[in-house]
Amino acid sequence: MSELRVLVDTASAVPAYEQLREQVTTLVTTGALREGDRLPAARALAADLGLAVGTVQRAYRELELVGTVVSRRRTGTVVAAGVSVEEDVRWAAEGFVERALSSGLTPDQALDVVRAALDSVGRSRRTVG
């Protein structure tokens, strides 16, 4: 069983629940957390991170909605089988959009940032491969 190691920056423009959700999703998709691994109880994780219990519960609910975790009364919250890459990318995109807009970028400016990133990554993959 893997240990959940996450950090939340309460000064960030990205909401704490979203930071937590993104980090757990990344840990699952990279294999650092595996099917059946148990996440800490919401109350315990909230205390460890200095967050409100509702913040952790919201992250867990959103993870459950997309099938990353399942919550059961006796076993708590555990990593579910098979997280979809498309779902992970969609959540990352939504997190980016929230951050971009809350930082004052317009939708067109946010799209420009994405296009520049796609161009940059595309170039680096062509030169490496």
C-alpha atoms as a PDB file:
ATOM      1  CA  MET A   1       0.000   0.000   0.000  1.00  0.00           C
ATOM      2  CA  SER A   2       1.365   3.395  -1.021  1.00  0.00           C
ATOM      3  CA  GLU A   3       1.393   6.465   1.173  1.00  0.00           C
ATOM      4  CA  LEU A   4      -0.440   9.578   0.003  1.00  0.00           C
ATOM      5  CA  ARG A   5       1.991  12.492  -0.183  1.00  0.00           C
ATOM      6  CA  VAL A   6       0.425  15.755  -1.284  1.00  0.00           C
ATOM      7  CA  LEU A   7       1.058  19.439  -0.685  1.00  0.00           C
ATOM      8  CA  VAL A   8      -1.508  22.211  -0.893  1.00  0.00           C
ATOM      9  CA  ASP A   9      -0.564  25.852  -1.416  1.00  0.00           C
ATOM     10  CA  THR A  10      -3.326  27.830   0.262  1.00  0.00           C
ATOM     11  CA  ALA A  11      -1.982  31.054  -1.314  1.00  0.00           C
ATOM     12  CA  SER A  12      -2.420  29.650  -4.837  1.00  0.00           C
ATOM     13  CA  ALA A  13      -5.130  30.872  -7.195  1.00  0.00           C
ATOM     14  CA  VAL A  14      -6.002  27.189  -7.710  1.00  0.00           C
ATOM     15  CA  PRO A  15      -8.536  26.077  -5.086  1.00  0.00           C
ATOM     16  CA  ALA A  16      -7.188  23.661  -2.471  1.00  0.00           C
ATOM     17  CA  TYR A  17      -9.677  20.923  -3.393  1.00  0.00           C
ATOM     18  CA  GLU A  18      -8.531  21.167  -7.025  1.00  0.00           C
ATOM     19  CA  GLN A  19      -4.852  20.949  -6.052  1.00  0.00           C
ATOM     20  CA  LEU A  20      -5.619  17.864  -4.004  1.00  0.00           C
ATOM     21  CA  ARG A  21      -7.726  16.307  -6.777  1.00  0.00           C
ATOM     22  CA  GLU A  22      -5.027  16.949  -9.385  1.00  0.00           C
ATOM     23  CA  GLN A  23      -2.275  15.482  -7.220  1.00  0.00           C
ATOM     24  CA  VAL A  24      -4.220  12.322  -6.372  1.00  0.00           C
ATOM     25  CA  THR A  25      -5.115  11.876 -10.055  1.00  0.00           C
ATOM     26  CA  THR A  26      -1.454  12.234 -11.003  1.00  0.00           C
ATOM     27  CA  LEU A  27      -0.389   9.738  -8.331  1.00  0.00           C
ATOM     28  CA  VAL A  28      -2.925   7.248  -9.667  1.00  0.00           C
ATOM     29  CA  THR A  29      -2.130   7.731 -13.366  1.00  0.00           C
ATOM     30  CA  THR A  30       1.614   7.440 -12.752  1.00  0.00           C
ATOM     31  CA  GLY A  31       1.172   4.295 -10.676  1.00  0.00           C
ATOM     32  CA  ALA A  32       2.407   5.820  -7.419  1.00  0.00           C
ATOM     33  CA  LEU A  33      -1.031   4.923  -6.040  1.00  0.00           C
ATOM     34  CA  ARG A  34      -2.456   1.620  -7.237  1.00  0.00           C
ATOM     35  CA  GLU A  35      -5.852  -0.010  -7.370  1.00  0.00           C
ATOM     36  CA  GLY A  36      -7.015  -0.790  -3.857  1.00  0.00           C
ATOM     37  CA  ASP A  37      -4.686   1.675  -2.112  1.00  0.00           C
ATOM     38  CA  ARG A  38      -6.559   3.437   0.671  1.00  0.00           C
ATOM     39  CA  LEU A  39      -6.609   7.226   0.928  1.00  0.00           C
ATOM     40  CA  PRO A  40      -6.532   8.795   4.381  1.00  0.00           C
ATOM     41  CA  ALA A  41      -9.851   9.620   6.002  1.00  0.00           C
ATOM     42  CA  ALA A  42     -10.976  13.107   4.982  1.00  0.00           C
ATOM     43  CA  ARG A  43     -10.802  14.345   8.567  1.00  0.00           C
ATOM     44  CA  ALA A  44      -7.237  13.067   9.050  1.00  0.00           C
ATOM     45  CA  LEU A  45      -5.978  14.446   5.723  1.00  0.00           C
ATOM     46  CA  ALA A  46      -7.637  17.806   6.381  1.00  0.00           C
ATOM     47  CA  ALA A  47      -5.893  18.007   9.759  1.00  0.00           C
ATOM     48  CA  ASP A  48      -2.528  17.059   8.218  1.00  0.00           C
ATOM     49  CA  LEU A  49      -2.849  19.686   5.472  1.00  0.00           C
ATOM     50  CA  GLY A  50      -4.474  22.400   7.594  1.00  0.00           C
ATOM     51  CA  LEU A  51      -7.638  22.388   5.487  1.00  0.00           C
ATOM     52  CA  ALA A  52     -11.326  22.246   6.233  1.00  0.00           C
ATOM     53  CA  VAL A  53     -12.772  18.732   6.161  1.00  0.00           C
ATOM     54  CA  GLY A  54     -15.258  19.862   3.493  1.00  0.00           C
ATOM     55  CA  THR A  55     -12.381  20.796   1.182  1.00  0.00           C
ATOM     56  CA  VAL A  56     -10.954  17.269   1.297  1.00  0.00           C
ATOM     57  CA  GLN A  57     -14.432  15.781   1.004  1.00  0.00           C
ATOM     58  CA  ARG A  58     -15.062  17.837  -2.141  1.00  0.00           C
ATOM     59  CA  ALA A  59     -11.816  16.583  -3.708  1.00  0.00           C
ATOM     60  CA  TYR A  60     -12.744  12.999  -2.826  1.00  0.00           C
ATOM     61  CA  ARG A  61     -16.279  13.466  -4.260  1.00  0.00           C
ATOM     62  CA  GLU A  62     -14.885  14.802  -7.522  1.00  0.00           C
ATOM     63  CA  LEU A  63     -12.379  11.943  -7.705  1.00  0.00           C
ATOM     64  CA  GLU A  64     -15.234   9.523  -7.142  1.00  0.00           C
ATOM     65  CA  LEU A  65     -17.415  11.129  -9.831  1.00  0.00           C
ATOM     66  CA  VAL A  66     -14.796  10.389 -12.501  1.00  0.00           C
ATOM     67  CA  GLY A  67     -14.043   6.911 -11.188  1.00  0.00           C
ATOM     68  CA  THR A  68     -10.578   7.534  -9.771  1.00  0.00           C
ATOM     69  CA  VAL A  69     -11.604   6.402  -6.295  1.00  0.00           C
ATOM     70  CA  VAL A  70     -14.514   4.620  -4.671  1.00  0.00           C
ATOM     71  CA  SER A  71     -15.787   5.330  -1.184  1.00  0.00           C
ATOM     72  CA  ARG A  72     -17.361   2.673   0.974  1.00  0.00           C
ATOM     73  CA  ARG A  73     -18.461   2.788   4.560  1.00  0.00           C
ATOM     74  CA  ARG A  74     -16.240  -0.025   5.859  1.00  0.00           C
ATOM     75  CA  THR A  75     -13.179   0.359   3.631  1.00  0.00           C
ATOM     76  CA  GLY A  76     -13.062   4.128   3.305  1.00  0.00           C
ATOM     77  CA  THR A  77     -11.858   5.764   0.085  1.00  0.00           C
ATOM     78  CA  VAL A  78      -9.720   3.558  -2.140  1.00  0.00           C
ATOM     79  CA  VAL A  79      -8.195   3.866  -5.594  1.00  0.00           C
ATOM     80  CA  ALA A  80     -10.483   2.377  -8.227  1.00  0.00           C
ATOM     81  CA  ALA A  81      -9.448   0.314 -11.216  1.00  0.00           C
ATOM     82  CA  GLY A  82      -8.503   1.957 -14.499  1.00  0.00           C
ATOM     83  CA  VAL A  83      -8.384   5.753 -14.614  1.00  0.00           C
ATOM     84  CA  SER A  84      -8.983   7.019 -18.139  1.00  0.00           C
ATOM     85  CA  VAL A  85      -6.212   9.144 -19.641  1.00  0.00           C
ATOM     86  CA  GLU A  86      -8.823  11.243 -21.434  1.00  0.00           C
ATOM     87  CA  GLU A  87     -10.570  11.946 -18.139  1.00  0.00           C
ATOM     88  CA  ASP A  88      -7.273  12.921 -16.513  1.00  0.00           C
ATOM     89  CA  VAL A  89      -6.408  15.297 -19.364  1.00  0.00           C
ATOM     90  CA  ARG A  90      -9.899  16.833 -19.295  1.00  0.00           C
ATOM     91  CA  TRP A  91      -9.582  17.519 -15.546  1.00  0.00           C
ATOM     92  CA  ALA A  92      -6.126  19.005 -16.068  1.00  0.00           C
ATOM     93  CA  ALA A  93      -7.521  21.242 -18.817  1.00  0.00           C
ATOM     94  CA  GLU A  94     -10.362  22.391 -16.582  1.00  0.00           C
ATOM     95  CA  GLY A  95      -7.870  23.147 -13.808  1.00  0.00           C
ATOM     96  CA  PHE A  96      -5.770  25.158 -16.253  1.00  0.00           C
ATOM     97  CA  VAL A  97      -8.811  27.113 -17.450  1.00  0.00           C
ATOM     98  CA  GLU A  98      -9.878  27.891 -13.875  1.00  0.00           C
ATOM     99  CA  ARG A  99      -6.370  29.070 -13.035  1.00  0.00           C
ATOM    100  CA  ALA A 100      -5.980  31.106 -16.233  1.00  0.00           C
ATOM    101  CA  LEU A 101      -9.316  32.869 -15.852  1.00  0.00           C
ATOM    102  CA  SER A 102      -8.885  33.512 -12.118  1.00  0.00           C
ATOM    103  CA  SER A 103      -5.456  34.991 -12.922  1.00  0.00           C
ATOM    104  CA  GLY A 104      -7.055  37.511 -15.260  1.00  0.00           C
ATOM    105  CA  LEU A 105      -6.368  35.937 -18.664  1.00  0.00           C
ATOM    106  CA  THR A 106      -9.096  36.136 -21.272  1.00  0.00           C
ATOM    107  CA  PRO A 107     -10.232  32.908 -22.971  1.00  0.00           C
ATOM    108  CA  ASP A 108      -8.303  33.952 -26.096  1.00  0.00           C
ATOM    109  CA  GLN A 109      -5.139  34.559 -24.059  1.00  0.00           C
ATOM    110  CA  ALA A 110      -5.550  31.145 -22.390  1.00  0.00           C
ATOM    111  CA  LEU A 111      -5.883  29.502 -25.803  1.00  0.00           C
ATOM    112  CA  ASP A 112      -2.734  31.314 -26.951  1.00  0.00           C
ATOM    113  CA  VAL A 113      -0.886  29.851 -23.954  1.00  0.00           C
ATOM    114  CA  VAL A 114      -2.114  26.343 -24.841  1.00  0.00           C
ATOM    115  CA  ARG A 115      -1.163  26.765 -28.503  1.00  0.00           C
ATOM    116  CA  ALA A 116       2.327  27.951 -27.515  1.00  0.00           C
ATOM    117  CA  ALA A 117       2.717  24.962 -25.179  1.00  0.00           C
ATOM    118  CA  LEU A 118       1.584  22.550 -27.911  1.00  0.00           C
ATOM    119  CA  ASP A 119       4.057  24.100 -30.354  1.00  0.00           C
ATOM    120  CA  SER A 120       6.878  23.965 -27.810  1.00  0.00           C
ATOM    121  CA  VAL A 121       6.246  20.348 -26.816  1.00  0.00           C
ATOM    122  CA  GLY A 122       5.759  19.355 -30.458  1.00  0.00           C
ATOM    123  CA  ARG A 123       9.105  20.908 -31.380  1.00  0.00           C
ATOM    124  CA  SER A 124      10.946  19.274 -28.495  1.00  0.00           C
ATOM    125  CA  ARG A 125       9.465  15.850 -29.351  1.00  0.00           C
ATOM    126  CA  ARG A 126      10.525  16.211 -32.987  1.00  0.00           C
ATOM    127  CA  THR A 127      14.084  17.124 -32.012  1.00  0.00           C
ATOM    128  CA  VAL A 128      14.386  14.368 -29.395  1.00  0.00           C
ATOM    129  CA  GLY A 129      12.796  11.582 -31.463  1.00  0.00           C
END
